[in-house]
Amino acid sequence: MKAVIIAVVIPLLIGVFGFWSFTQVKSSALEVVRSLDALINAIERGRWEEAANSSHLLQKAWDKASQVWGPFKDHDEIDALFEMIVRTQHFTAERQKEEALTEAGVARSFAHHMYQSDLPGVGNIF
């Protein structure tokens, strides 16, 4: 009887933990994406003061996300996204519109990739 309970409980716990970790990564990644969207909108409109505020909010979202992602994601991917965000912030501070928009767009796509690569699917299982 104990063996049956263990055989059922352990996979169930693994599944619950996997789902929980996915939701944590997804919600933090979407927060980074929302922050990047706000920054992109401010830059497109040429509102540099608003862009500076959005850059600050992006930094806060990044700080939270990087703590969540540490145990679950490849550190090379985390570092790559961090570099993109830093370049975006630098170009924003320097008011280099095209460079900031390009780097922010790439960072946005990469932030989406951070959680989409963990979506359950046949490719992730086999």
Foldseek 3Di string as FASTA:
>chain_A
DVVVVCVPVVVVVVVVVLVVLLVLLVVLLVQLLVLLVQLLVCLVVVNLVSNLVSLVSNVVSLVSNCVSCVVPDDVVLNVVLVVLSVQLNVCSVVSVRVSNNVSSVVSSVSSNVRSVVSPDDPVVPD
